[in-house]
Amino acid sequence: MFRTSIIGLFIVGFGFVILTVMLPSISTQVNSLRTDSVSETPSCATGNAEVSCVVNLQHESAYETSNPNWTVQETSPSSTTRTSQSVLGSNLQQVTISGLSPNVTYAFQIDYFKVDASVQSASHLDSLLKRFSFVLVLGLLLIMVIGVSKSYAMYAQ
């Protein structure tokens, strides 16, 4: 029984080490394969009582609205970072920038990520790659559970 417990702990520990050491680099690599960097310079003008404006990106953002992974920089009339005052719309292309002054024309530089063309053309590949880290964790947990159960069954005889 002691030997079986040690083997089970070894399998779980080995899985944990693999997960903590390899997951960040795998996740970074999958992200770099899934996305392409894009830089756009849209402009907009605010009206008499408006303190925000809406610009449209040429491509859909590769990230969700809750975490767009972008930078929004005002380039004219001043140089200010507007990332925290910007909201990505649900269509992943419309950006609302707030905290502006009325009756001013603004220019921005928006750096964001779009889905790679080869990934986008393959059906459901982007959806799978977005969740690759989760799928990897589940697969490793499944392997660990099977490994531990097999070790208990093998040494119980």
N, C-alpha and C. Protein backbone atom coordinates (compact mmCIF):
# COMPACT_ATOMS: atom_id res chain seq x y z
N MET A 1 0.82 -1.19 0.00
CA MET A 1 0.00 0.00 0.00
C MET A 1 0.87 1.26 0.00
N PHE A 2 1.97 1.23 0.78
CA PHE A 2 2.86 2.38 0.84
C PHE A 2 3.51 2.63 -0.52
N ARG A 3 3.91 1.56 -1.18
CA ARG A 3 4.53 1.65 -2.50
C ARG A 3 3.56 2.24 -3.51
N THR A 4 2.32 1.86 -3.45
CA THR A 4 1.29 2.37 -4.36
C THR A 4 1.06 3.86 -4.12
N SER A 5 1.04 4.27 -2.88
CA SER A 5 0.86 5.69 -2.56
C SER A 5 2.02 6.52 -3.08
N ILE A 6 3.23 6.01 -2.94
CA ILE A 6 4.41 6.73 -3.44
C ILE A 6 4.35 6.87 -4.95
N ILE A 7 3.97 5.81 -5.65
CA ILE A 7 3.86 5.88 -7.11
C ILE A 7 2.77 6.87 -7.51
N GLY A 8 1.65 6.85 -6.81
CA GLY A 8 0.57 7.80 -7.10
C GLY A 8 1.01 9.23 -6.88
N LEU A 9 1.71 9.50 -5.78
CA LEU A 9 2.22 10.84 -5.52
C LEU A 9 3.26 11.26 -6.55
N PHE A 10 4.09 10.32 -6.99
CA PHE A 10 5.08 10.61 -8.01
C PHE A 10 4.40 11.02 -9.32
N ILE A 11 3.36 10.32 -9.72
CA ILE A 11 2.64 10.63 -10.96
C ILE A 11 2.00 12.02 -10.87
N VAL A 12 1.36 12.30 -9.74
CA VAL A 12 0.71 13.60 -9.55
C VAL A 12 1.76 14.71 -9.51
N GLY A 13 2.86 14.49 -8.79
CA GLY A 13 3.93 15.49 -8.71
C GLY A 13 4.57 15.74 -10.07
N PHE A 14 4.81 14.68 -10.83
CA PHE A 14 5.38 14.82 -12.17
C PHE A 14 4.44 15.61 -13.08
N GLY A 15 3.15 15.34 -13.00
CA GLY A 15 2.18 16.09 -13.80
C GLY A 15 2.14 17.56 -13.41
N PHE A 16 2.22 17.84 -12.11
CA PHE A 16 2.21 19.21 -11.64
C PHE A 16 3.45 19.97 -12.12
N VAL A 17 4.61 19.33 -12.06
CA VAL A 17 5.85 19.96 -12.52
C VAL A 17 5.77 20.25 -14.02
N ILE A 18 5.31 19.29 -14.79
CA ILE A 18 5.17 19.50 -16.23
C ILE A 18 4.23 20.67 -16.50
N LEU A 19 3.14 20.71 -15.78
CA LEU A 19 2.14 21.75 -15.98
C LEU A 19 2.69 23.13 -15.64
N THR A 20 3.35 23.28 -14.50
CA THR A 20 3.83 24.59 -14.08
C THR A 20 5.03 25.06 -14.88
N VAL A 21 5.86 24.14 -15.34
CA VAL A 21 7.05 24.53 -16.09
C VAL A 21 6.72 24.80 -17.56
N MET A 22 5.91 23.97 -18.15
CA MET A 22 5.68 24.04 -19.59
C MET A 22 4.49 24.91 -20.01
N LEU A 23 3.48 25.06 -19.17
CA LEU A 23 2.27 25.76 -19.58
C LEU A 23 2.51 27.20 -20.02
N PRO A 24 3.30 28.01 -19.29
CA PRO A 24 3.50 29.39 -19.77
C PRO A 24 4.14 29.47 -21.15
N SER A 25 5.15 28.67 -21.42
CA SER A 25 5.80 28.74 -22.73
C SER A 25 4.91 28.18 -23.83
N ILE A 26 4.16 27.13 -23.53
CA ILE A 26 3.23 26.59 -24.53
C ILE A 26 2.14 27.61 -24.83
N SER A 27 1.61 28.23 -23.80
CA SER A 27 0.55 29.22 -23.98
C SER A 27 1.04 30.41 -24.80
N THR A 28 2.25 30.88 -24.53
CA THR A 28 2.82 32.00 -25.28
C THR A 28 3.01 31.62 -26.74
N GLN A 29 3.50 30.43 -27.00
CA GLN A 29 3.72 29.98 -28.37
C GLN A 29 2.41 29.83 -29.13
N VAL A 30 1.40 29.26 -28.49
CA VAL A 30 0.09 29.11 -29.13
C VAL A 30 -0.49 30.49 -29.44
N ASN A 31 -0.35 31.43 -28.52
CA ASN A 31 -0.85 32.79 -28.74
C ASN A 31 -0.15 33.46 -29.91
N SER A 32 1.16 33.29 -30.03
CA SER A 32 1.89 33.91 -31.13
C SER A 32 1.53 33.28 -32.47
N LEU A 33 1.19 32.00 -32.48
CA LEU A 33 0.75 31.35 -33.72
C LEU A 33 -0.67 31.75 -34.10
N ARG A 34 -1.49 32.04 -33.11
CA ARG A 34 -2.91 32.34 -33.33
C ARG A 34 -3.15 33.79 -33.76
N THR A 35 -2.27 34.71 -33.40
CA THR A 35 -2.54 36.12 -33.61
C THR A 35 -1.46 36.81 -34.43
N ASP A 36 -1.83 37.95 -35.02
CA ASP A 36 -0.91 38.85 -35.71
C ASP A 36 -1.08 40.24 -35.11
N SER A 37 0.02 40.95 -34.96
CA SER A 37 -0.01 42.30 -34.41
C SER A 37 -0.46 43.29 -35.49
N VAL A 38 -1.31 44.25 -35.09
CA VAL A 38 -1.82 45.26 -36.01
C VAL A 38 -1.70 46.62 -35.34
N SER A 39 -1.33 47.63 -36.10
CA SER A 39 -1.28 49.00 -35.61
C SER A 39 -2.10 49.86 -36.56
N GLU A 40 -3.06 50.59 -36.03
CA GLU A 40 -3.91 51.46 -36.84
C GLU A 40 -3.87 52.88 -36.28
N THR A 41 -4.14 53.85 -37.15
CA THR A 41 -4.15 55.26 -36.74
C THR A 41 -5.47 55.93 -37.13
N PRO A 42 -6.56 55.57 -36.45
CA PRO A 42 -7.84 56.20 -36.77
C PRO A 42 -7.95 57.59 -36.14
N SER A 43 -8.91 58.36 -36.63
CA SER A 43 -9.18 59.68 -36.05
C SER A 43 -10.68 59.84 -35.89
N CYS A 44 -11.07 60.78 -35.02
CA CYS A 44 -12.49 61.08 -34.81
C CYS A 44 -12.61 62.48 -34.24
N ALA A 45 -13.81 63.02 -34.33
CA ALA A 45 -14.07 64.36 -33.81
C ALA A 45 -15.24 64.29 -32.84
N THR A 46 -15.12 65.02 -31.75
CA THR A 46 -16.22 65.09 -30.78
C THR A 46 -17.12 66.27 -31.13
N GLY A 47 -18.38 66.16 -30.77
CA GLY A 47 -19.34 67.23 -31.03
C GLY A 47 -19.38 68.23 -29.89
N ASN A 48 -20.45 69.06 -29.90
CA ASN A 48 -20.59 70.13 -28.90
C ASN A 48 -20.59 69.63 -27.47
N ALA A 49 -21.38 68.60 -27.20
CA ALA A 49 -21.50 68.12 -25.82
C ALA A 49 -20.93 66.72 -25.64
N GLU A 50 -20.23 66.22 -26.63
CA GLU A 50 -19.69 64.86 -26.57
C GLU A 50 -18.33 64.83 -25.89
N VAL A 51 -18.13 63.83 -25.06
CA VAL A 51 -16.84 63.65 -24.39
C VAL A 51 -16.25 62.27 -24.71
N SER A 52 -16.81 61.63 -25.74
CA SER A 52 -16.28 60.35 -26.20
C SER A 52 -16.47 60.26 -27.71
N CYS A 53 -15.74 59.37 -28.33
CA CYS A 53 -15.92 59.12 -29.76
C CYS A 53 -15.72 57.65 -30.04
N VAL A 54 -16.23 57.22 -31.18
CA VAL A 54 -16.19 55.82 -31.57
C VAL A 54 -15.36 55.70 -32.85
N VAL A 55 -14.40 54.78 -32.84
CA VAL A 55 -13.63 54.47 -34.04
C VAL A 55 -13.80 52.99 -34.34
N ASN A 56 -13.68 52.65 -35.61
CA ASN A 56 -13.81 51.26 -36.03
C ASN A 56 -12.46 50.72 -36.48
N LEU A 57 -12.12 49.55 -35.99
CA LEU A 57 -10.89 48.88 -36.39
C LEU A 57 -11.11 48.18 -37.72
N GLN A 58 -10.05 48.01 -38.48
CA GLN A 58 -10.16 47.34 -39.79
C GLN A 58 -10.38 45.84 -39.63
N HIS A 59 -9.89 45.27 -38.54
CA HIS A 59 -10.00 43.83 -38.29
C HIS A 59 -10.63 43.60 -36.93
N GLU A 60 -11.23 42.43 -36.76
CA GLU A 60 -11.74 42.06 -35.44
C GLU A 60 -10.57 41.77 -34.52
N SER A 61 -10.72 42.18 -33.26
CA SER A 61 -9.71 41.88 -32.26
C SER A 61 -9.70 40.37 -31.98
N ALA A 62 -8.52 39.83 -31.73
CA ALA A 62 -8.40 38.40 -31.43
C ALA A 62 -8.78 38.08 -29.99
N TYR A 63 -8.95 39.13 -29.17
CA TYR A 63 -9.25 38.93 -27.76
C TYR A 63 -10.66 39.41 -27.43
N GLU A 64 -11.16 38.95 -26.32
CA GLU A 64 -12.52 39.27 -25.89
C GLU A 64 -12.61 40.70 -25.37
N THR A 65 -13.83 41.18 -25.24
CA THR A 65 -14.06 42.56 -24.80
C THR A 65 -13.60 42.80 -23.37
N SER A 66 -13.61 41.79 -22.53
CA SER A 66 -13.21 41.97 -21.13
C SER A 66 -11.70 42.11 -20.96
N ASN A 67 -10.93 41.62 -21.92
CA ASN A 67 -9.47 41.70 -21.85
C ASN A 67 -8.91 41.85 -23.27
N PRO A 68 -9.03 43.05 -23.86
CA PRO A 68 -8.68 43.20 -25.27
C PRO A 68 -7.20 43.10 -25.62
N ASN A 69 -6.29 43.21 -24.65
CA ASN A 69 -4.85 43.08 -24.89
C ASN A 69 -4.40 44.05 -25.99
N TRP A 70 -4.51 45.33 -25.71
CA TRP A 70 -4.22 46.38 -26.68
C TRP A 70 -3.66 47.60 -25.98
N THR A 71 -3.24 48.58 -26.77
CA THR A 71 -2.89 49.90 -26.26
C THR A 71 -3.54 50.94 -27.16
N VAL A 72 -4.10 51.95 -26.54
CA VAL A 72 -4.71 53.06 -27.26
C VAL A 72 -3.96 54.32 -26.86
N GLN A 73 -3.33 54.93 -27.82
CA GLN A 73 -2.51 56.12 -27.57
C GLN A 73 -3.08 57.29 -28.37
N GLU A 74 -3.39 58.39 -27.67
CA GLU A 74 -3.80 59.61 -28.36
C GLU A 74 -2.54 60.26 -28.91
N THR A 75 -2.53 60.56 -30.22
CA THR A 75 -1.35 61.17 -30.83
C THR A 75 -1.56 62.64 -31.17
N SER A 76 -2.83 63.06 -31.25
CA SER A 76 -3.12 64.47 -31.54
C SER A 76 -4.47 64.81 -30.92
N PRO A 77 -4.67 65.90 -30.28
CA PRO A 77 -3.81 67.08 -30.16
C PRO A 77 -2.70 66.94 -29.11
N SER A 78 -2.76 65.94 -28.25
CA SER A 78 -1.68 65.73 -27.29
C SER A 78 -1.25 64.27 -27.35
N SER A 79 -0.30 63.90 -26.54
CA SER A 79 0.16 62.52 -26.49
C SER A 79 -0.19 61.94 -25.13
N THR A 80 -1.26 61.15 -25.11
CA THR A 80 -1.77 60.59 -23.86
C THR A 80 -2.18 59.14 -24.09
N THR A 81 -1.94 58.31 -23.11
CA THR A 81 -2.39 56.93 -23.18
C THR A 81 -3.86 56.88 -22.80
N ARG A 82 -4.69 56.33 -23.67
CA ARG A 82 -6.14 56.25 -23.45
C ARG A 82 -6.62 54.81 -23.31
N THR A 83 -5.74 53.89 -23.03
CA THR A 83 -6.12 52.48 -22.95
C THR A 83 -7.18 52.24 -21.88
N SER A 84 -6.99 52.82 -20.70
CA SER A 84 -7.94 52.59 -19.60
C SER A 84 -9.28 53.28 -19.84
N GLN A 85 -9.33 54.24 -20.76
CA GLN A 85 -10.56 54.96 -21.06
C GLN A 85 -11.21 54.44 -22.34
N SER A 86 -10.75 53.30 -22.83
CA SER A 86 -11.26 52.74 -24.09
C SER A 86 -11.96 51.42 -23.83
N VAL A 87 -13.06 51.23 -24.57
CA VAL A 87 -13.85 50.01 -24.42
C VAL A 87 -14.03 49.38 -25.80
N LEU A 88 -13.74 48.08 -25.88
CA LEU A 88 -13.94 47.33 -27.12
C LEU A 88 -15.39 46.87 -27.20
N GLY A 89 -16.04 47.13 -28.33
CA GLY A 89 -17.44 46.76 -28.50
C GLY A 89 -17.62 45.26 -28.67
N SER A 90 -18.85 44.82 -28.57
CA SER A 90 -19.16 43.38 -28.64
C SER A 90 -18.86 42.79 -30.02
N ASN A 91 -18.80 43.63 -31.06
CA ASN A 91 -18.46 43.12 -32.39
C ASN A 91 -16.95 42.98 -32.58
N LEU A 92 -16.17 43.31 -31.56
CA LEU A 92 -14.71 43.21 -31.52
C LEU A 92 -14.01 44.13 -32.52
N GLN A 93 -14.73 45.12 -33.07
CA GLN A 93 -14.13 46.07 -34.00
C GLN A 93 -14.39 47.53 -33.62
N GLN A 94 -15.40 47.77 -32.84
CA GLN A 94 -15.77 49.13 -32.48
C GLN A 94 -15.13 49.51 -31.15
N VAL A 95 -14.42 50.65 -31.14
CA VAL A 95 -13.74 51.11 -29.94
C VAL A 95 -14.34 52.45 -29.52
N THR A 96 -14.81 52.53 -28.27
CA THR A 96 -15.33 53.77 -27.71
C THR A 96 -14.27 54.34 -26.77
N ILE A 97 -13.82 55.55 -27.07
CA ILE A 97 -12.79 56.22 -26.28
C ILE A 97 -13.46 57.38 -25.55
N SER A 98 -13.37 57.38 -24.23
CA SER A 98 -14.02 58.42 -23.43
C SER A 98 -12.98 59.31 -22.76
N GLY A 99 -13.47 60.32 -22.04
CA GLY A 99 -12.60 61.25 -21.34
C GLY A 99 -12.01 62.31 -22.25
N LEU A 100 -12.70 62.59 -23.35
CA LEU A 100 -12.23 63.57 -24.33
C LEU A 100 -12.91 64.92 -24.11
N SER A 101 -12.41 65.93 -24.76
CA SER A 101 -13.00 67.27 -24.68
C SER A 101 -13.93 67.50 -25.86
N PRO A 102 -14.99 68.31 -25.68
CA PRO A 102 -15.91 68.61 -26.78
C PRO A 102 -15.25 69.46 -27.88
N ASN A 103 -15.76 69.31 -29.10
CA ASN A 103 -15.35 70.10 -30.27
C ASN A 103 -13.85 70.00 -30.58
N VAL A 104 -13.30 68.80 -30.50
CA VAL A 104 -11.88 68.60 -30.80
C VAL A 104 -11.75 67.40 -31.74
N THR A 105 -10.84 67.49 -32.69
CA THR A 105 -10.54 66.35 -33.56
C THR A 105 -9.32 65.63 -32.99
N TYR A 106 -9.46 64.32 -32.82
CA TYR A 106 -8.42 63.50 -32.20
C TYR A 106 -7.85 62.51 -33.21
N ALA A 107 -6.59 62.18 -33.03
CA ALA A 107 -5.93 61.09 -33.77
C ALA A 107 -5.39 60.11 -32.73
N PHE A 108 -5.50 58.84 -33.04
CA PHE A 108 -5.07 57.79 -32.11
C PHE A 108 -4.18 56.79 -32.82
N GLN A 109 -3.39 56.09 -32.03
CA GLN A 109 -2.68 54.91 -32.52
C GLN A 109 -3.15 53.75 -31.65
N ILE A 110 -3.75 52.77 -32.30
CA ILE A 110 -4.27 51.60 -31.58
C ILE A 110 -3.47 50.38 -32.02
N ASP A 111 -2.79 49.78 -31.07
CA ASP A 111 -2.02 48.55 -31.30
C ASP A 111 -2.80 47.40 -30.68
N TYR A 112 -3.16 46.42 -31.50
CA TYR A 112 -3.96 45.29 -31.02
C TYR A 112 -3.58 44.04 -31.81
N PHE A 113 -4.24 42.94 -31.52
CA PHE A 113 -3.97 41.68 -32.19
C PHE A 113 -5.21 41.22 -32.95
N LYS A 114 -5.01 40.74 -34.16
CA LYS A 114 -6.09 40.12 -34.94
C LYS A 114 -5.77 38.64 -35.08
N VAL A 115 -6.78 37.87 -35.42
CA VAL A 115 -6.58 36.44 -35.62
C VAL A 115 -5.81 36.23 -36.93
N ASP A 116 -4.80 35.38 -36.89
CA ASP A 116 -4.01 35.06 -38.08
C ASP A 116 -4.93 34.54 -39.19
N ALA A 117 -4.65 34.92 -40.42
CA ALA A 117 -5.51 34.55 -41.55
C ALA A 117 -5.60 33.04 -41.74
N SER A 118 -4.50 32.33 -41.56
CA SER A 118 -4.55 30.87 -41.74
C SER A 118 -5.35 30.19 -40.64
N VAL A 119 -5.34 30.76 -39.44
CA VAL A 119 -6.12 30.20 -38.33
C VAL A 119 -7.60 30.52 -38.54
N GLN A 120 -7.88 31.73 -39.01
CA GLN A 120 -9.27 32.15 -39.19
C GLN A 120 -9.95 31.36 -40.31
N SER A 121 -9.19 30.95 -41.32
CA SER A 121 -9.79 30.22 -42.43
C SER A 121 -10.12 28.77 -42.06
N ALA A 122 -9.46 28.22 -41.06
CA ALA A 122 -9.76 26.86 -40.61
C ALA A 122 -10.94 26.91 -39.65
N SER A 123 -11.93 26.08 -39.88
CA SER A 123 -13.15 26.16 -39.06
C SER A 123 -12.88 25.72 -37.63
N HIS A 124 -13.27 26.55 -36.68
CA HIS A 124 -13.21 26.32 -35.24
C HIS A 124 -11.79 26.21 -34.68
N LEU A 125 -10.75 26.43 -35.48
CA LEU A 125 -9.38 26.34 -34.97
C LEU A 125 -9.08 27.46 -33.98
N ASP A 126 -9.55 28.68 -34.28
CA ASP A 126 -9.32 29.80 -33.37
C ASP A 126 -9.97 29.54 -32.02
N SER A 127 -11.17 29.00 -32.05
CA SER A 127 -11.89 28.69 -30.81
C SER A 127 -11.13 27.65 -29.98
N LEU A 128 -10.57 26.67 -30.63
CA LEU A 128 -9.80 25.64 -29.93
C LEU A 128 -8.50 26.22 -29.38
N LEU A 129 -7.81 27.03 -30.18
CA LEU A 129 -6.54 27.59 -29.73
C LEU A 129 -6.71 28.59 -28.59
N LYS A 130 -7.85 29.29 -28.55
CA LYS A 130 -8.13 30.20 -27.43
C LYS A 130 -8.20 29.42 -26.12
N ARG A 131 -8.69 28.22 -26.19
CA ARG A 131 -8.90 27.40 -24.99
C ARG A 131 -7.85 26.30 -24.86
N PHE A 132 -6.75 26.41 -25.59
CA PHE A 132 -5.74 25.34 -25.61
C PHE A 132 -5.16 25.06 -24.23
N SER A 133 -4.87 26.10 -23.47
CA SER A 133 -4.31 25.90 -22.13
C SER A 133 -5.27 25.11 -21.25
N PHE A 134 -6.56 25.45 -21.33
CA PHE A 134 -7.58 24.73 -20.55
C PHE A 134 -7.66 23.27 -20.98
N VAL A 135 -7.64 23.03 -22.29
CA VAL A 135 -7.69 21.66 -22.81
C VAL A 135 -6.45 20.89 -22.37
N LEU A 136 -5.30 21.55 -22.38
CA LEU A 136 -4.06 20.90 -21.95
C LEU A 136 -4.12 20.51 -20.48
N VAL A 137 -4.62 21.40 -19.64
CA VAL A 137 -4.76 21.10 -18.20
C VAL A 137 -5.70 19.92 -17.99
N LEU A 138 -6.84 19.94 -18.67
CA LEU A 138 -7.79 18.83 -18.53
C LEU A 138 -7.18 17.51 -18.99
N GLY A 139 -6.45 17.53 -20.11
CA GLY A 139 -5.81 16.32 -20.61
C GLY A 139 -4.78 15.78 -19.64
N LEU A 140 -3.99 16.68 -19.06
CA LEU A 140 -2.98 16.26 -18.10
C LEU A 140 -3.62 15.70 -16.84
N LEU A 141 -4.71 16.32 -16.38
CA LEU A 141 -5.43 15.79 -15.22
C LEU A 141 -5.98 14.40 -15.51
N LEU A 142 -6.51 14.21 -16.71
CA LEU A 142 -7.04 12.91 -17.09
C LEU A 142 -5.93 11.86 -17.09
N ILE A 143 -4.78 12.20 -17.65
CA ILE A 143 -3.64 11.27 -17.66
C ILE A 143 -3.20 10.95 -16.24
N MET A 144 -3.18 11.96 -15.37
CA MET A 144 -2.77 11.71 -13.98
C MET A 144 -3.77 10.80 -13.27
N VAL A 145 -5.06 11.04 -13.47
CA VAL A 145 -6.07 10.19 -12.82
C VAL A 145 -5.96 8.76 -13.31
N ILE A 146 -5.80 8.57 -14.61
CA ILE A 146 -5.67 7.22 -15.17
C ILE A 146 -4.38 6.57 -14.66
N GLY A 147 -3.28 7.35 -14.62
CA GLY A 147 -2.01 6.80 -14.14
C GLY A 147 -2.08 6.37 -12.69
N VAL A 148 -2.69 7.19 -11.85
CA VAL A 148 -2.82 6.84 -10.44
C VAL A 148 -3.73 5.63 -10.27
N SER A 149 -4.85 5.61 -10.96
CA SER A 149 -5.78 4.47 -10.83
C SER A 149 -5.14 3.18 -11.33
N LYS A 150 -4.37 3.25 -12.40
CA LYS A 150 -3.68 2.05 -12.92
C LYS A 150 -2.60 1.57 -11.93
N SER A 151 -1.91 2.51 -11.29
CA SER A 151 -0.89 2.09 -10.34
C SER A 151 -1.52 1.43 -9.13
N TYR A 152 -2.66 1.90 -8.67
CA TYR A 152 -3.34 1.27 -7.56
C TYR A 152 -3.85 -0.11 -7.95
N ALA A 153 -4.40 -0.21 -9.15
CA ALA A 153 -4.93 -1.51 -9.62
C ALA A 153 -3.79 -2.50 -9.82
N MET A 154 -2.66 -2.05 -10.32
CA MET A 154 -1.55 -2.92 -10.62
C MET A 154 -0.92 -3.49 -9.33
N TYR A 155 -0.81 -2.67 -8.30
CA TYR A 155 -0.14 -3.12 -7.08
C TYR A 155 -1.12 -3.66 -6.04
N ALA A 156 -2.41 -3.59 -6.32
CA ALA A 156 -3.40 -4.13 -5.38
C ALA A 156 -3.46 -5.65 -5.48
N GLN A 157 -3.00 -6.20 -6.57
CA GLN A 157 -3.09 -7.65 -6.77
C GLN A 157 -2.09 -8.41 -5.96
